[in-house]
Amino acid sequence: MDIAIMIEGQNGLTWLRWQKLAEAVEDLGFIGLYRSDHFTNTTAPDLDSLELWTSLTWLASHTRRIEFGPLVSPVSVRHPALTARMAAAVDDLSGGRLTLGLGAGWQEREHSLFGFDLLPLKERFDRYEEALEVITLLLKSDHPVIFEGNFYNLRGATLLPRPERPGGPRILVGGNGEKRTLPLAARYADEWNAVFSTPAEYSRLSVRLDELLNVQGREPASVRRSLMTGLCFGRTKKELVENLAAHKQTAEELLQRGFVVGAGDEVKEQLFVLAKAGVQRIMLQWLDLDDLDGLAALAKAIR
């Protein structure tokens, strides 16, 4: 199983922190570095928040190996044609290392603060579906795209230059919803990314995705399976106890929420169980952006 790091880009991310994290993730052997795409958090106080595509452009040209992308970028804050254009350019700049994670949007506070229309849930997912189709058409079609929707309209649009990678960057659909998200993943995604899921629940959702892919006439193996989840890690048992106290939950409570919890080999054992459940790539949430020593200890523990 591939092991990557995921950070919250609205949680105090600055250029210096981003640069140090990218260097550490690349040097320590993780497969990739992923980040959220938010203006701010759900509650005050507001913290530094490095804009997504600016940060990914820097990452594309200042790293050599790691894969990267948003987990996930909400279509509620950018027009899909603009997103497709930026994603194709950043993917080309990186030599084909971008995964384009897309979501419907969910965080009410940032939408209200910055004047974006989140929409009621049904309309939000209707817009998301249209955005996925627009982005897919622009990335994959070498001919002018005509699209007439309720939210977006294209009247002979062609994305130039064409992406160097055939079809453009991989599209990731993130979420656990069985009514809308999994069917959209079956139709549009090159990768499905669940969030905070236990091994048993992940396996069940993955089987359901297989069924939906078969309905679409797609091979189940054509969609990579990944998981973004929380991590409570300690270099020692003592440090793990301290970190659990900071979460204000027991190890068992966090495990039931889908977290990876442990010190040393305990983390490695849990990753093995997730791999058996079908997870091909895991993005472990690393919230302390300055704890590079802890990141190095994690890399050593899971080798």
C-alpha atoms as a PDB file:
ATOM      1  CA  MET A   1       0.000   0.000   0.000  1.00  0.00           C
ATOM      2  CA  ASP A   2       1.222   3.490  -0.910  1.00  0.00           C
ATOM      3  CA  ILE A   3       1.548   5.826   2.072  1.00  0.00           C
ATOM      4  CA  ALA A   4       1.147   9.574   1.639  1.00  0.00           C
ATOM      5  CA  ILE A   5       0.792  12.595   3.903  1.00  0.00           C
ATOM      6  CA  MET A   6      -2.205  14.933   3.932  1.00  0.00           C
ATOM      7  CA  ILE A   7      -2.283  18.364   5.576  1.00  0.00           C
ATOM      8  CA  GLU A   8      -4.950  20.980   6.236  1.00  0.00           C
ATOM      9  CA  GLY A   9      -3.931  23.933   4.095  1.00  0.00           C
ATOM     10  CA  GLN A  10      -6.091  26.409   6.039  1.00  0.00           C
ATOM     11  CA  ASN A  11      -4.595  25.455   9.394  1.00  0.00           C
ATOM     12  CA  GLY A  12      -1.636  27.836   9.531  1.00  0.00           C
ATOM     13  CA  LEU A  13       0.070  26.907   6.261  1.00  0.00           C
ATOM     14  CA  THR A  14       2.717  29.414   5.140  1.00  0.00           C
ATOM     15  CA  TRP A  15       5.258  29.267   2.313  1.00  0.00           C
ATOM     16  CA  LEU A  16       8.063  28.311   4.700  1.00  0.00           C
ATOM     17  CA  ARG A  17       6.052  25.497   6.261  1.00  0.00           C
ATOM     18  CA  TRP A  18       4.927  24.239   2.844  1.00  0.00           C
ATOM     19  CA  GLN A  19       8.474  24.224   1.506  1.00  0.00           C
ATOM     20  CA  LYS A  20       9.832  22.362   4.537  1.00  0.00           C
ATOM     21  CA  LEU A  21       6.998  19.828   4.452  1.00  0.00           C
ATOM     22  CA  ALA A  22       7.470  19.138   0.745  1.00  0.00           C
ATOM     23  CA  GLU A  23      11.202  18.572   1.232  1.00  0.00           C
ATOM     24  CA  ALA A  24      10.597  16.268   4.193  1.00  0.00           C
ATOM     25  CA  VAL A  25       7.886  14.199   2.481  1.00  0.00           C
ATOM     26  CA  GLU A  26      10.069  13.731  -0.590  1.00  0.00           C
ATOM     27  CA  ASP A  27      13.240  12.880   1.362  1.00  0.00           C
ATOM     28  CA  LEU A  28      11.487  10.503   3.797  1.00  0.00           C
ATOM     29  CA  GLY A  29      10.107   8.285   1.033  1.00  0.00           C
ATOM     30  CA  PHE A  30       6.361   8.925   1.277  1.00  0.00           C
ATOM     31  CA  ILE A  31       4.546   8.452  -2.030  1.00  0.00           C
ATOM     32  CA  GLY A  32       2.897  11.845  -2.000  1.00  0.00           C
ATOM     33  CA  LEU A  33       1.746  15.051  -0.322  1.00  0.00           C
ATOM     34  CA  TYR A  34      -1.898  16.106  -0.454  1.00  0.00           C
ATOM     35  CA  ARG A  35      -3.712  19.073   1.048  1.00  0.00           C
ATOM     36  CA  SER A  36      -7.173  20.467   1.652  1.00  0.00           C
ATOM     37  CA  ASP A  37      -8.550  23.411  -0.312  1.00  0.00           C
ATOM     38  CA  HIS A  38     -10.216  25.785   2.136  1.00  0.00           C
ATOM     39  CA  PHE A  39     -10.147  29.519   2.785  1.00  0.00           C
ATOM     40  CA  THR A  40     -10.492  29.024   6.532  1.00  0.00           C
ATOM     41  CA  ASN A  41     -11.669  26.630   9.244  1.00  0.00           C
ATOM     42  CA  THR A  42     -15.187  25.919  10.435  1.00  0.00           C
ATOM     43  CA  THR A  43     -14.674  28.046  13.557  1.00  0.00           C
ATOM     44  CA  ALA A  44     -12.603  31.083  14.529  1.00  0.00           C
ATOM     45  CA  PRO A  45      -9.841  32.055  14.946  1.00  0.00           C
ATOM     46  CA  ASP A  46      -8.853  32.228  11.284  1.00  0.00           C
ATOM     47  CA  LEU A  47      -5.314  31.057  10.522  1.00  0.00           C
ATOM     48  CA  ASP A  48      -2.898  31.456   7.619  1.00  0.00           C
ATOM     49  CA  SER A  49      -4.185  29.656   4.528  1.00  0.00           C
ATOM     50  CA  LEU A  50      -2.012  29.190   1.460  1.00  0.00           C
ATOM     51  CA  GLU A  51      -4.017  29.247  -1.787  1.00  0.00           C
ATOM     52  CA  LEU A  52      -4.274  25.778  -3.323  1.00  0.00           C
ATOM     53  CA  TRP A  53      -3.227  26.170  -6.962  1.00  0.00           C
ATOM     54  CA  THR A  54      -0.440  28.608  -6.197  1.00  0.00           C
ATOM     55  CA  SER A  55       1.013  26.129  -3.715  1.00  0.00           C
ATOM     56  CA  LEU A  56       0.643  23.176  -6.097  1.00  0.00           C
ATOM     57  CA  THR A  57       2.369  25.093  -8.900  1.00  0.00           C
ATOM     58  CA  TRP A  58       5.347  25.640  -6.617  1.00  0.00           C
ATOM     59  CA  LEU A  59       5.288  21.968  -5.588  1.00  0.00           C
ATOM     60  CA  ALA A  60       5.222  20.795  -9.204  1.00  0.00           C
ATOM     61  CA  SER A  61       8.425  22.646 -10.035  1.00  0.00           C
ATOM     62  CA  HIS A  62      10.334  22.157  -6.757  1.00  0.00           C
ATOM     63  CA  THR A  63       9.914  18.423  -6.194  1.00  0.00           C
ATOM     64  CA  ARG A  64      11.082  15.512  -8.319  1.00  0.00           C
ATOM     65  CA  ARG A  65       9.228  12.401  -7.211  1.00  0.00           C
ATOM     66  CA  ILE A  66       6.190  12.818  -4.988  1.00  0.00           C
ATOM     67  CA  GLU A  67       2.614  12.782  -6.260  1.00  0.00           C
ATOM     68  CA  PHE A  68       0.259  15.457  -5.010  1.00  0.00           C
ATOM     69  CA  GLY A  69      -3.128  17.113  -5.297  1.00  0.00           C
ATOM     70  CA  PRO A  70      -6.144  18.528  -3.482  1.00  0.00           C
ATOM     71  CA  LEU A  71      -8.243  16.437  -1.098  1.00  0.00           C
ATOM     72  CA  VAL A  72     -10.496  17.781  -2.328  1.00  0.00           C
ATOM     73  CA  SER A  73     -11.074  20.968  -4.301  1.00  0.00           C
ATOM     74  CA  PRO A  74     -14.721  22.118  -4.024  1.00  0.00           C
ATOM     75  CA  VAL A  75     -16.347  22.995  -7.337  1.00  0.00           C
ATOM     76  CA  SER A  76     -18.385  25.611  -5.462  1.00  0.00           C
ATOM     77  CA  VAL A  77     -15.478  28.103  -5.401  1.00  0.00           C
ATOM     78  CA  ARG A  78     -14.061  27.842  -8.955  1.00  0.00           C
ATOM     79  CA  HIS A  79     -15.574  27.482 -12.400  1.00  0.00           C
ATOM     80  CA  PRO A  80     -14.791  23.958 -13.693  1.00  0.00           C
ATOM     81  CA  ALA A  81     -13.268  25.287 -16.927  1.00  0.00           C
ATOM     82  CA  LEU A  82     -10.738  27.260 -14.889  1.00  0.00           C
ATOM     83  CA  THR A  83     -10.036  24.249 -12.683  1.00  0.00           C
ATOM     84  CA  ALA A  84      -9.455  22.020 -15.716  1.00  0.00           C
ATOM     85  CA  ARG A  85      -7.107  24.565 -17.276  1.00  0.00           C
ATOM     86  CA  MET A  86      -5.031  24.992 -14.112  1.00  0.00           C
ATOM     87  CA  ALA A  87      -4.925  21.268 -13.417  1.00  0.00           C
ATOM     88  CA  ALA A  88      -3.684  20.433 -16.907  1.00  0.00           C
ATOM     89  CA  ALA A  89      -0.938  23.067 -16.663  1.00  0.00           C
ATOM     90  CA  VAL A  90       0.237  21.980 -13.192  1.00  0.00           C
ATOM     91  CA  ASP A  91       0.189  18.318 -14.212  1.00  0.00           C
ATOM     92  CA  ASP A  92       2.348  19.107 -17.253  1.00  0.00           C
ATOM     93  CA  LEU A  93       4.738  21.155 -15.130  1.00  0.00           C
ATOM     94  CA  SER A  94       5.191  18.245 -12.714  1.00  0.00           C
ATOM     95  CA  GLY A  95       5.691  15.604 -15.382  1.00  0.00           C
ATOM     96  CA  GLY A  96       2.346  13.930 -14.671  1.00  0.00           C
ATOM     97  CA  ARG A  97       2.263  13.762 -10.852  1.00  0.00           C
ATOM     98  CA  LEU A  98      -1.006  15.584 -10.094  1.00  0.00           C
ATOM     99  CA  THR A  99      -4.194  13.878  -8.958  1.00  0.00           C
ATOM    100  CA  LEU A 100      -7.171  16.213  -9.370  1.00  0.00           C
ATOM    101  CA  GLY A 101      -9.361  15.647  -6.319  1.00  0.00           C
ATOM    102  CA  LEU A 102     -12.816  17.207  -6.677  1.00  0.00           C
ATOM    103  CA  GLY A 103     -15.709  17.606  -4.265  1.00  0.00           C
ATOM    104  CA  ALA A 104     -19.107  19.292  -4.037  1.00  0.00           C
ATOM    105  CA  GLY A 105     -18.177  21.647  -1.175  1.00  0.00           C
ATOM    106  CA  TRP A 106     -19.423  21.415   2.394  1.00  0.00           C
ATOM    107  CA  GLN A 107     -17.977  24.074   4.706  1.00  0.00           C
ATOM    108  CA  GLU A 108     -20.710  26.636   5.319  1.00  0.00           C
ATOM    109  CA  ARG A 109     -18.606  29.218   7.165  1.00  0.00           C
ATOM    110  CA  GLU A 110     -16.073  29.853   4.399  1.00  0.00           C
ATOM    111  CA  HIS A 111     -18.780  30.047   1.753  1.00  0.00           C
ATOM    112  CA  SER A 112     -20.628  32.640   3.802  1.00  0.00           C
ATOM    113  CA  LEU A 113     -17.517  34.665   4.670  1.00  0.00           C
ATOM    114  CA  PHE A 114     -16.217  34.860   1.098  1.00  0.00           C
ATOM    115  CA  GLY A 115     -19.519  35.093  -0.749  1.00  0.00           C
ATOM    116  CA  PHE A 116     -19.724  31.688  -2.435  1.00  0.00           C
ATOM    117  CA  ASP A 117     -23.092  29.977  -2.925  1.00  0.00           C
ATOM    118  CA  LEU A 118     -22.949  26.530  -1.302  1.00  0.00           C
ATOM    119  CA  LEU A 119     -26.536  25.629  -2.374  1.00  0.00           C
ATOM    120  CA  PRO A 120     -28.895  23.117  -0.724  1.00  0.00           C
ATOM    121  CA  LEU A 121     -27.597  19.552  -0.746  1.00  0.00           C
ATOM    122  CA  LYS A 122     -29.436  18.219  -3.814  1.00  0.00           C
ATOM    123  CA  GLU A 123     -28.595  21.232  -5.976  1.00  0.00           C
ATOM    124  CA  ARG A 124     -25.035  21.192  -4.666  1.00  0.00           C
ATOM    125  CA  PHE A 125     -24.525  17.645  -5.929  1.00  0.00           C
ATOM    126  CA  ASP A 126     -26.306  18.420  -9.188  1.00  0.00           C
ATOM    127  CA  ARG A 127     -23.769  21.218  -9.743  1.00  0.00           C
ATOM    128  CA  TYR A 128     -20.943  18.856  -8.740  1.00  0.00           C
ATOM    129  CA  GLU A 129     -22.060  16.309 -11.316  1.00  0.00           C
ATOM    130  CA  GLU A 130     -22.122  18.952 -14.046  1.00  0.00           C
ATOM    131  CA  ALA A 131     -18.679  20.193 -13.012  1.00  0.00           C
ATOM    132  CA  LEU A 132     -17.256  16.676 -13.189  1.00  0.00           C
ATOM    133  CA  GLU A 133     -18.643  16.273 -16.696  1.00  0.00           C
ATOM    134  CA  VAL A 134     -17.319  19.656 -17.839  1.00  0.00           C
ATOM    135  CA  ILE A 135     -13.832  18.957 -16.476  1.00  0.00           C
ATOM    136  CA  THR A 136     -13.780  15.456 -17.967  1.00  0.00           C
ATOM    137  CA  LEU A 137     -14.871  16.701 -21.386  1.00  0.00           C
ATOM    138  CA  LEU A 138     -12.333  19.529 -21.464  1.00  0.00           C
ATOM    139  CA  LEU A 139      -9.445  17.282 -20.404  1.00  0.00           C
ATOM    140  CA  LYS A 140     -10.257  14.309 -22.601  1.00  0.00           C
ATOM    141  CA  SER A 141     -11.742  15.810 -25.761  1.00  0.00           C
ATOM    142  CA  ASP A 142      -9.525  16.997 -28.609  1.00  0.00           C
ATOM    143  CA  HIS A 143     -12.554  18.570 -30.267  1.00  0.00           C
ATOM    144  CA  PRO A 144     -14.550  21.675 -29.294  1.00  0.00           C
ATOM    145  CA  VAL A 145     -16.829  20.910 -26.353  1.00  0.00           C
ATOM    146  CA  ILE A 146     -20.485  21.860 -26.347  1.00  0.00           C
ATOM    147  CA  PHE A 147     -22.271  21.426 -23.030  1.00  0.00           C
ATOM    148  CA  GLU A 148     -25.654  22.757 -21.961  1.00  0.00           C
ATOM    149  CA  GLY A 149     -26.414  22.399 -18.263  1.00  0.00           C
ATOM    150  CA  ASN A 150     -28.302  24.115 -15.472  1.00  0.00           C
ATOM    151  CA  PHE A 151     -25.114  25.525 -13.952  1.00  0.00           C
ATOM    152  CA  TYR A 152     -22.530  25.555 -16.748  1.00  0.00           C
ATOM    153  CA  ASN A 153     -22.565  26.080 -20.495  1.00  0.00           C
ATOM    154  CA  LEU A 154     -19.766  25.514 -23.002  1.00  0.00           C
ATOM    155  CA  ARG A 155     -20.213  26.637 -26.593  1.00  0.00           C
ATOM    156  CA  GLY A 156     -17.368  25.078 -28.525  1.00  0.00           C
ATOM    157  CA  ALA A 157     -14.620  25.267 -25.877  1.00  0.00           C
ATOM    158  CA  THR A 158     -11.213  23.676 -26.510  1.00  0.00           C
ATOM    159  CA  LEU A 159      -8.548  23.425 -23.846  1.00  0.00           C
ATOM    160  CA  LEU A 160      -5.198  24.433 -25.362  1.00  0.00           C
ATOM    161  CA  PRO A 161      -2.507  23.344 -25.167  1.00  0.00           C
ATOM    162  CA  ARG A 162      -3.759  19.809 -24.884  1.00  0.00           C
ATOM    163  CA  PRO A 163      -2.582  17.993 -21.719  1.00  0.00           C
ATOM    164  CA  GLU A 164       0.710  16.179 -22.200  1.00  0.00           C
ATOM    165  CA  ARG A 165      -0.684  13.205 -20.309  1.00  0.00           C
ATOM    166  CA  PRO A 166      -3.413  11.622 -22.479  1.00  0.00           C
ATOM    167  CA  GLY A 167      -6.713  12.580 -20.905  1.00  0.00           C
ATOM    168  CA  GLY A 168      -5.057  14.916 -18.434  1.00  0.00           C
ATOM    169  CA  PRO A 169      -4.490  14.318 -14.713  1.00  0.00           C
ATOM    170  CA  ARG A 170      -6.252  11.538 -12.851  1.00  0.00           C
ATOM    171  CA  ILE A 171      -9.622  12.619 -11.442  1.00  0.00           C
ATOM    172  CA  LEU A 172     -10.309  11.692  -7.830  1.00  0.00           C
ATOM    173  CA  VAL A 173     -13.799  11.708  -6.357  1.00  0.00           C
ATOM    174  CA  GLY A 174     -13.768  11.900  -2.582  1.00  0.00           C
ATOM    175  CA  GLY A 175     -16.415  10.845  -0.074  1.00  0.00           C
ATOM    176  CA  ASN A 176     -18.353   7.941   1.411  1.00  0.00           C
ATOM    177  CA  GLY A 177     -21.892   8.748   0.259  1.00  0.00           C
ATOM    178  CA  GLU A 178     -23.669   5.847  -1.391  1.00  0.00           C
ATOM    179  CA  LYS A 179     -26.516   7.797  -3.007  1.00  0.00           C
ATOM    180  CA  ARG A 180     -24.521  10.365  -4.996  1.00  0.00           C
ATOM    181  CA  THR A 181     -20.761  10.127  -4.379  1.00  0.00           C
ATOM    182  CA  LEU A 182     -20.141   6.472  -5.224  1.00  0.00           C
ATOM    183  CA  PRO A 183     -22.254   6.608  -8.426  1.00  0.00           C
ATOM    184  CA  LEU A 184     -20.314   9.719  -9.494  1.00  0.00           C
ATOM    185  CA  ALA A 185     -17.030   7.948  -8.748  1.00  0.00           C
ATOM    186  CA  ALA A 186     -18.163   4.996 -10.860  1.00  0.00           C
ATOM    187  CA  ARG A 187     -18.908   7.322 -13.761  1.00  0.00           C
ATOM    188  CA  TYR A 188     -16.062   9.840 -13.667  1.00  0.00           C
ATOM    189  CA  ALA A 189     -13.258   8.852 -11.286  1.00  0.00           C
ATOM    190  CA  ASP A 190      -9.844   7.378 -11.883  1.00  0.00           C
ATOM    191  CA  GLU A 191      -9.541   7.172  -8.092  1.00  0.00           C
ATOM    192  CA  TRP A 192     -12.067   6.919  -5.276  1.00  0.00           C
ATOM    193  CA  ASN A 193     -11.002   8.392  -1.941  1.00  0.00           C
ATOM    194  CA  ALA A 194     -12.947   7.477   1.181  1.00  0.00           C
ATOM    195  CA  VAL A 195     -12.588   9.506   4.372  1.00  0.00           C
ATOM    196  CA  PHE A 196     -12.268   8.340   7.991  1.00  0.00           C
ATOM    197  CA  SER A 197     -13.436   4.789   7.343  1.00  0.00           C
ATOM    198  CA  THR A 198     -12.849   1.629   9.354  1.00  0.00           C
ATOM    199  CA  PRO A 199     -11.491  -1.408   7.477  1.00  0.00           C
ATOM    200  CA  ALA A 200     -14.871  -3.169   7.557  1.00  0.00           C
ATOM    201  CA  GLU A 201     -16.762  -0.128   6.283  1.00  0.00           C
ATOM    202  CA  TYR A 202     -14.153   0.581   3.623  1.00  0.00           C
ATOM    203  CA  SER A 203     -14.389  -2.987   2.318  1.00  0.00           C
ATOM    204  CA  ARG A 204     -18.183  -2.749   2.142  1.00  0.00           C
ATOM    205  CA  LEU A 205     -18.101   0.571   0.253  1.00  0.00           C
ATOM    206  CA  SER A 206     -15.443  -0.740  -2.120  1.00  0.00           C
ATOM    207  CA  VAL A 207     -17.602  -3.743  -3.002  1.00  0.00           C
ATOM    208  CA  ARG A 208     -20.503  -1.380  -3.668  1.00  0.00           C
ATOM    209  CA  LEU A 209     -18.280   0.685  -5.957  1.00  0.00           C
ATOM    210  CA  ASP A 210     -17.370  -2.489  -7.862  1.00  0.00           C
ATOM    211  CA  GLU A 211     -21.068  -3.106  -8.485  1.00  0.00           C
ATOM    212  CA  LEU A 212     -21.592   0.437  -9.741  1.00  0.00           C
ATOM    213  CA  LEU A 213     -18.550   0.227 -12.007  1.00  0.00           C
ATOM    214  CA  ASN A 214     -19.897  -2.967 -13.546  1.00  0.00           C
ATOM    215  CA  VAL A 215     -23.164  -1.146 -14.311  1.00  0.00           C
ATOM    216  CA  GLN A 216     -21.133   1.562 -16.078  1.00  0.00           C
ATOM    217  CA  GLY A 217     -19.276  -1.077 -18.093  1.00  0.00           C
ATOM    218  CA  ARG A 218     -15.985  -0.257 -16.375  1.00  0.00           C
ATOM    219  CA  GLU A 219     -13.509  -2.695 -14.897  1.00  0.00           C
ATOM    220  CA  PRO A 220     -13.325  -2.374 -11.081  1.00  0.00           C
ATOM    221  CA  ALA A 221      -9.538  -2.408 -11.301  1.00  0.00           C
ATOM    222  CA  SER A 222      -9.648   0.765 -13.416  1.00  0.00           C
ATOM    223  CA  VAL A 223     -10.383   2.893 -10.321  1.00  0.00           C
ATOM    224  CA  ARG A 224      -7.681   3.175  -7.673  1.00  0.00           C
ATOM    225  CA  ARG A 225      -8.909   2.881  -4.077  1.00  0.00           C
ATOM    226  CA  SER A 226      -7.560   5.317  -1.504  1.00  0.00           C
ATOM    227  CA  LEU A 227      -8.386   6.527   1.993  1.00  0.00           C
ATOM    228  CA  MET A 228      -7.793   9.826   3.772  1.00  0.00           C
ATOM    229  CA  THR A 229      -7.923   9.405   7.523  1.00  0.00           C
ATOM    230  CA  GLY A 230      -6.784  10.821  10.824  1.00  0.00           C
ATOM    231  CA  LEU A 231      -3.609   9.757  12.557  1.00  0.00           C
ATOM    232  CA  CYS A 232      -2.749   9.719  16.258  1.00  0.00           C
ATOM    233  CA  PHE A 233       0.892   8.648  16.399  1.00  0.00           C
ATOM    234  CA  GLY A 234       3.435   8.529  19.167  1.00  0.00           C
ATOM    235  CA  ARG A 235       7.133   7.822  18.952  1.00  0.00           C
ATOM    236  CA  THR A 236       6.771   6.183  22.360  1.00  0.00           C
ATOM    237  CA  LYS A 237       3.866   4.873  24.426  1.00  0.00           C
ATOM    238  CA  LYS A 238       4.179   7.936  26.647  1.00  0.00           C
ATOM    239  CA  GLU A 239       3.944  10.301  23.696  1.00  0.00           C
ATOM    240  CA  LEU A 240       0.949   8.384  22.344  1.00  0.00           C
ATOM    241  CA  VAL A 241      -0.860   8.820  25.667  1.00  0.00           C
ATOM    242  CA  GLU A 242      -0.135  12.562  25.546  1.00  0.00           C
ATOM    243  CA  ASN A 243      -1.438  12.821  21.979  1.00  0.00           C
ATOM    244  CA  LEU A 244      -4.586  10.893  22.886  1.00  0.00           C
ATOM    245  CA  ALA A 245      -5.163  13.340  25.731  1.00  0.00           C
ATOM    246  CA  ALA A 246      -4.911  16.200  23.242  1.00  0.00           C
ATOM    247  CA  HIS A 247      -7.622  14.539  21.123  1.00  0.00           C
ATOM    248  CA  LYS A 248      -9.759  14.117  24.279  1.00  0.00           C
ATOM    249  CA  GLN A 249     -10.691  10.629  23.123  1.00  0.00           C
ATOM    250  CA  THR A 250      -9.511   7.112  23.827  1.00  0.00           C
ATOM    251  CA  ALA A 251      -7.644   5.012  21.302  1.00  0.00           C
ATOM    252  CA  GLU A 252     -10.714   2.825  20.871  1.00  0.00           C
ATOM    253  CA  GLU A 253     -12.955   5.827  20.205  1.00  0.00           C
ATOM    254  CA  LEU A 254     -10.583   7.114  17.523  1.00  0.00           C
ATOM    255  CA  LEU A 255     -10.281   3.677  15.938  1.00  0.00           C
ATOM    256  CA  GLN A 256     -14.071   3.479  15.706  1.00  0.00           C
ATOM    257  CA  ARG A 257     -13.981   6.793  13.804  1.00  0.00           C
ATOM    258  CA  GLY A 258     -11.520   5.321  11.314  1.00  0.00           C
ATOM    259  CA  PHE A 259      -8.310   6.819  12.714  1.00  0.00           C
ATOM    260  CA  VAL A 260      -4.956   5.078  12.603  1.00  0.00           C
ATOM    261  CA  VAL A 261      -3.739   5.059  16.219  1.00  0.00           C
ATOM    262  CA  GLY A 262      -0.554   3.754  17.754  1.00  0.00           C
ATOM    263  CA  ALA A 263       3.143   3.854  18.437  1.00  0.00           C
ATOM    264  CA  GLY A 264       5.769   2.204  16.277  1.00  0.00           C
ATOM    265  CA  ASP A 265       4.706  -1.167  14.877  1.00  0.00           C
ATOM    266  CA  GLU A 266       1.082  -0.637  15.966  1.00  0.00           C
ATOM    267  CA  VAL A 267       0.639   1.809  13.087  1.00  0.00           C
ATOM    268  CA  LYS A 268       2.250  -0.603  10.667  1.00  0.00           C
ATOM    269  CA  GLU A 269      -0.113  -3.381  11.747  1.00  0.00           C
ATOM    270  CA  GLN A 270      -3.182  -1.177  11.232  1.00  0.00           C
ATOM    271  CA  LEU A 271      -2.004  -0.170   7.782  1.00  0.00           C
ATOM    272  CA  PHE A 272      -1.678  -3.851   6.910  1.00  0.00           C
ATOM    273  CA  VAL A 273      -5.313  -4.430   7.941  1.00  0.00           C
ATOM    274  CA  LEU A 274      -6.440  -1.516   5.772  1.00  0.00           C
ATOM    275  CA  ALA A 275      -4.485  -2.884   2.827  1.00  0.00           C
ATOM    276  CA  LYS A 276      -6.296  -6.201   3.237  1.00  0.00           C
ATOM    277  CA  ALA A 277      -9.583  -4.257   3.167  1.00  0.00           C
ATOM    278  CA  GLY A 278      -8.662  -2.958  -0.293  1.00  0.00           C
ATOM    279  CA  VAL A 279      -6.942   0.361   0.399  1.00  0.00           C
ATOM    280  CA  GLN A 280      -4.256   0.861  -2.241  1.00  0.00           C
ATOM    281  CA  ARG A 281      -3.156   4.309  -1.085  1.00  0.00           C
ATOM    282  CA  ILE A 282      -3.604   5.983   2.291  1.00  0.00           C
ATOM    283  CA  MET A 283      -3.282   9.694   3.000  1.00  0.00           C
ATOM    284  CA  LEU A 284      -2.472  10.130   6.690  1.00  0.00           C
ATOM    285  CA  GLN A 285      -3.576  13.463   8.119  1.00  0.00           C
ATOM    286  CA  TRP A 286      -0.608  15.312   9.677  1.00  0.00           C
ATOM    287  CA  LEU A 287      -1.925  18.291  11.628  1.00  0.00           C
ATOM    288  CA  ASP A 288       1.229  19.630  13.307  1.00  0.00           C
ATOM    289  CA  LEU A 289       2.810  21.403  10.350  1.00  0.00           C
ATOM    290  CA  ASP A 290       6.049  22.084  12.259  1.00  0.00           C
ATOM    291  CA  ASP A 291       6.638  18.551  13.608  1.00  0.00           C
ATOM    292  CA  LEU A 292       9.074  17.301  10.997  1.00  0.00           C
ATOM    293  CA  ASP A 293      10.876  15.130  13.556  1.00  0.00           C
ATOM    294  CA  GLY A 294       7.619  13.316  14.208  1.00  0.00           C
ATOM    295  CA  LEU A 295       7.132  12.879  10.474  1.00  0.00           C
ATOM    296  CA  ALA A 296      10.596  11.303  10.249  1.00  0.00           C
ATOM    297  CA  ALA A 297       9.731   8.986  13.139  1.00  0.00           C
ATOM    298  CA  LEU A 298       6.528   7.946  11.377  1.00  0.00           C
ATOM    299  CA  ALA A 299       8.430   7.170   8.187  1.00  0.00           C
ATOM    300  CA  LYS A 300      10.853   4.998  10.166  1.00  0.00           C
ATOM    301  CA  ALA A 301       8.028   3.199  12.008  1.00  0.00           C
ATOM    302  CA  ILE A 302       6.217   2.119   8.842  1.00  0.00           C
ATOM    303  CA  ARG A 303       9.190   0.991   6.779  1.00  0.00           C
END
